[in-house]
């Protein structure tokens, strides 16, 4: 049983992540309240919170539904991700050291062994967080997290850890090597290639599920 709005929001996020709720699917407050053993007020607050994150759409007189992305929206999000993540990486690279890079590598090692979709997405999220943390730019990190959430839950919902396992591992390892080199231009170039490939995977995923 989950009763607070934040607990309910977290549970809905998790279930969207696991494919329980599909893009475009209706989220009825009374059904959610019954599902989570809560009253309608915290459910509504949770939906409003998820609406602010771009994961849920609140429709006047029609309730809420899981947000959907189209190809144009995905491209816009990845353009923004490149700007934000490039900014974070540029500020993080000079601050990285053997200890921080070891943390990044530890997350990557776990990620390469992950078999569940939820665990894979969580590992990828933690990898990028560790990569950008030394930048000490909390506002930019919050923006990055919001953009990532929209794509990973709404644009990558048909992918599994095996969809691009070897490619993702290779790209992440290349990012680690670029950071270790200390060359910001090299890091940005590798990051751009990684995000372009991820965008392509998201678009293929969307095309597959809409066919």
Protein backbone atom coordinates (compact mmCIF):
# COMPACT_ATOMS: atom_id res chain seq x y z
CA UNK A 1 0.00 0.00 0.00
CA UNK A 2 1.27 3.47 -0.94
CA UNK A 3 -0.48 6.50 0.47
CA UNK A 4 1.49 9.70 -0.09
CA UNK A 5 1.54 11.56 -3.41
CA UNK A 6 5.30 11.08 -3.78
CA UNK A 7 5.00 7.32 -3.14
CA UNK A 8 2.21 7.04 -5.68
CA UNK A 9 4.16 9.08 -8.24
CA UNK A 10 7.17 6.81 -7.74
CA UNK A 11 5.02 3.72 -8.19
CA UNK A 12 3.42 5.04 -11.39
CA UNK A 13 6.89 5.93 -12.73
CA UNK A 14 8.09 2.41 -11.98
CA UNK A 15 5.07 0.84 -13.67
CA UNK A 16 5.44 3.06 -16.74
CA UNK A 17 9.08 2.00 -16.79
CA UNK A 18 8.08 -1.68 -16.66
CA UNK A 19 5.45 -1.30 -19.37
CA UNK A 20 2.41 -1.70 -17.10
CA UNK A 21 1.10 1.64 -18.37
CA UNK A 22 1.59 2.25 -22.09
CA UNK A 23 1.92 5.64 -23.87
CA UNK A 24 -1.56 7.05 -24.45
CA UNK A 25 -3.21 4.81 -21.85
CA UNK A 26 -5.79 6.44 -19.59
CA UNK A 27 -4.95 6.85 -15.89
CA UNK A 28 -8.21 7.09 -13.96
CA UNK A 29 -7.94 8.53 -10.48
CA UNK A 30 -10.51 6.22 -8.90
CA UNK A 31 -8.83 3.11 -10.36
CA UNK A 32 -5.40 4.28 -9.23
CA UNK A 33 -6.71 5.05 -5.74
CA UNK A 34 -8.10 1.52 -5.50
CA UNK A 35 -4.91 0.00 -6.94
CA UNK A 36 -2.64 1.74 -4.44
CA UNK A 37 -4.98 1.75 -1.46
CA UNK A 38 -5.06 5.54 -1.29
CA UNK A 39 -7.58 8.35 -1.43
CA UNK A 40 -8.09 10.31 -4.65
CA UNK A 41 -6.38 13.49 -3.39
CA UNK A 42 -2.81 12.11 -3.22
CA UNK A 43 -3.44 10.30 -6.53
CA UNK A 44 -4.37 13.59 -8.17
CA UNK A 45 -1.30 15.28 -6.65
CA UNK A 46 0.89 12.44 -7.96
CA UNK A 47 -0.57 12.81 -11.47
CA UNK A 48 0.04 16.56 -11.38
CA UNK A 49 3.64 15.91 -10.35
CA UNK A 50 4.12 13.49 -13.23
CA UNK A 51 2.44 15.99 -15.56
CA UNK A 52 5.09 18.52 -14.56
CA UNK A 53 7.77 15.97 -15.45
CA UNK A 54 6.25 15.37 -18.87
CA UNK A 55 5.32 11.74 -18.16
CA UNK A 56 1.57 12.29 -17.85
CA UNK A 57 -0.82 14.55 -19.76
CA UNK A 58 -3.69 16.13 -17.82
CA UNK A 59 -6.66 16.64 -20.14
CA UNK A 60 -9.48 19.03 -19.13
CA UNK A 61 -12.69 17.07 -18.48
CA UNK A 62 -11.00 13.88 -19.69
CA UNK A 63 -8.62 12.98 -16.89
CA UNK A 64 -5.02 11.91 -17.28
CA UNK A 65 -3.15 9.62 -19.64
CA UNK A 66 0.42 8.47 -20.12
CA UNK A 67 2.21 10.96 -22.35
CA UNK A 68 3.14 10.03 -25.91
CA UNK A 69 6.09 11.31 -27.91
CA UNK A 70 6.24 11.79 -31.64
CA UNK A 71 9.40 11.75 -33.74
CA UNK A 72 9.72 15.55 -33.73
CA UNK A 73 9.52 15.65 -29.94
CA UNK A 74 12.19 12.95 -29.64
CA UNK A 75 14.53 14.89 -31.92
CA UNK A 76 13.96 18.09 -29.94
CA UNK A 77 14.66 16.29 -26.65
CA UNK A 78 17.91 14.86 -27.96
CA UNK A 79 19.00 18.25 -29.28
CA UNK A 80 18.43 19.63 -25.79
CA UNK A 81 20.15 16.63 -24.19
CA UNK A 82 23.25 17.24 -26.27
CA UNK A 83 23.38 20.86 -25.15
CA UNK A 84 22.80 20.09 -21.47
CA UNK A 85 24.91 16.94 -21.27
CA UNK A 86 27.69 18.54 -23.29
CA UNK A 87 27.70 21.41 -20.80
CA UNK A 88 27.79 19.00 -17.87
CA UNK A 89 30.53 16.86 -19.39
CA UNK A 90 32.68 19.87 -20.24
CA UNK A 91 32.57 20.96 -16.59
CA UNK A 92 32.95 17.42 -15.24
CA UNK A 93 36.03 16.35 -17.21
CA UNK A 94 38.56 18.62 -15.41
CA UNK A 95 37.20 17.46 -12.04
CA UNK A 96 37.38 13.72 -12.70
CA UNK A 97 40.11 11.67 -11.05
CA UNK A 98 41.00 8.01 -10.60
CA UNK A 99 38.43 7.60 -7.82
CA UNK A 100 35.50 9.16 -9.68
CA UNK A 101 36.31 7.25 -12.86
CA UNK A 102 36.45 4.02 -10.87
CA UNK A 103 32.89 4.73 -9.72
CA UNK A 104 31.78 5.25 -13.33
CA UNK A 105 33.45 2.01 -14.38
CA UNK A 106 31.84 0.10 -11.49
CA UNK A 107 28.38 1.18 -12.64
CA UNK A 108 29.23 0.22 -16.21
CA UNK A 109 30.36 -3.25 -15.15
CA UNK A 110 27.02 -3.79 -13.40
CA UNK A 111 25.13 -2.42 -16.39
CA UNK A 112 26.75 -4.87 -18.79
CA UNK A 113 25.43 -7.77 -16.69
CA UNK A 114 21.90 -6.39 -16.27
CA UNK A 115 19.07 -8.42 -17.80
CA UNK A 116 15.91 -6.61 -16.67
CA UNK A 117 14.66 -3.57 -18.55
CA UNK A 118 14.04 -1.55 -15.37
CA UNK A 119 17.49 -2.41 -14.04
CA UNK A 120 19.09 -1.60 -17.37
CA UNK A 121 17.47 1.84 -17.52
CA UNK A 122 18.42 2.49 -13.90
CA UNK A 123 22.01 1.46 -14.60
CA UNK A 124 22.23 3.70 -17.65
CA UNK A 125 20.84 6.58 -15.61
CA UNK A 126 23.40 5.99 -12.84
CA UNK A 127 26.23 5.74 -15.38
CA UNK A 128 25.49 9.19 -16.78
CA UNK A 129 24.94 10.63 -13.31
CA UNK A 130 28.36 9.42 -12.20
CA UNK A 131 29.84 10.79 -15.40
CA UNK A 132 28.38 14.28 -14.85
CA UNK A 133 28.41 14.54 -11.03
CA UNK A 134 31.88 16.13 -10.76
CA UNK A 135 30.55 19.13 -12.71
CA UNK A 136 28.66 20.21 -9.55
CA UNK A 137 25.85 21.72 -11.61
CA UNK A 138 22.65 20.57 -9.80
CA UNK A 139 20.26 22.62 -11.96
CA UNK A 140 21.68 21.26 -15.19
CA UNK A 141 21.58 17.75 -13.72
CA UNK A 142 17.89 18.21 -12.89
CA UNK A 143 17.15 19.29 -16.48
CA UNK A 144 19.12 16.33 -17.82
CA UNK A 145 17.18 13.97 -15.57
CA UNK A 146 13.84 15.34 -16.76
CA UNK A 147 14.75 15.03 -20.45
CA UNK A 148 16.13 11.53 -19.95
CA UNK A 149 12.98 10.41 -18.12
CA UNK A 150 10.75 11.42 -21.01
CA UNK A 151 12.72 9.45 -23.57
CA UNK A 152 13.56 6.35 -21.56
CA UNK A 153 9.98 5.82 -20.46
CA UNK A 154 8.14 7.00 -23.54
CA UNK A 155 10.54 6.53 -26.43
CA UNK A 156 12.47 3.43 -25.39
CA UNK A 157 9.55 1.42 -24.00
CA UNK A 158 9.95 -1.38 -26.58
CA UNK A 159 13.69 -1.85 -26.04
CA UNK A 160 15.31 -4.48 -23.83
CA UNK A 161 18.85 -4.75 -22.44
CA UNK A 162 19.76 -6.91 -25.46
CA UNK A 163 18.52 -4.41 -28.07
CA UNK A 164 21.89 -2.64 -28.28
CA UNK A 165 23.86 -4.31 -25.48
CA UNK A 166 27.24 -4.48 -27.23
CA UNK A 167 26.86 -1.07 -28.90
CA UNK A 168 25.87 0.67 -25.66
CA UNK A 169 28.74 -0.94 -23.80
CA UNK A 170 31.20 0.12 -26.50
CA UNK A 171 29.90 3.71 -26.49
CA UNK A 172 29.99 3.95 -22.69
CA UNK A 173 33.52 2.57 -22.61
CA UNK A 174 34.51 5.12 -25.23
CA UNK A 175 33.08 7.88 -23.02
CA UNK A 176 35.12 6.66 -20.06
CA UNK A 177 38.26 6.58 -22.19
CA UNK A 178 37.59 10.07 -23.52
CA UNK A 179 37.14 11.45 -19.99
CA UNK A 180 40.34 9.75 -18.89
CA UNK A 181 42.17 11.47 -21.76
CA UNK A 182 41.15 14.85 -20.35
CA UNK A 183 40.20 16.17 -23.80
CA UNK A 184 36.89 18.02 -23.62
CA UNK A 185 36.45 18.21 -27.44
CA UNK A 186 37.00 14.46 -27.69
CA UNK A 187 34.49 13.85 -24.91
CA UNK A 188 31.86 16.00 -26.60
CA UNK A 189 32.39 14.20 -29.91
CA UNK A 190 31.98 10.76 -28.30
CA UNK A 191 28.93 11.94 -26.36
CA UNK A 192 27.33 13.30 -29.53
CA UNK A 193 27.82 9.97 -31.31
CA UNK A 194 26.31 8.14 -28.35
CA UNK A 195 23.24 10.38 -28.21
CA UNK A 196 22.72 10.22 -31.99
CA UNK A 197 22.73 6.43 -31.79
CA UNK A 198 20.37 6.46 -28.80
CA UNK A 199 18.01 8.80 -30.62
CA UNK A 200 17.95 6.43 -33.59
CA UNK A 201 17.12 3.54 -31.24
CA UNK A 202 14.27 5.54 -29.70
CA UNK A 203 12.83 6.40 -33.11
CA UNK A 204 13.04 2.77 -34.26
CA UNK A 205 11.33 1.70 -31.05
CA UNK A 206 8.50 4.16 -31.62
CA UNK A 207 8.09 3.15 -35.28
CA UNK A 208 7.96 -0.51 -34.28
CA UNK A 209 5.26 -0.06 -31.64
CA UNK A 210 3.11 2.21 -33.82
CA UNK A 211 3.22 -0.09 -36.85
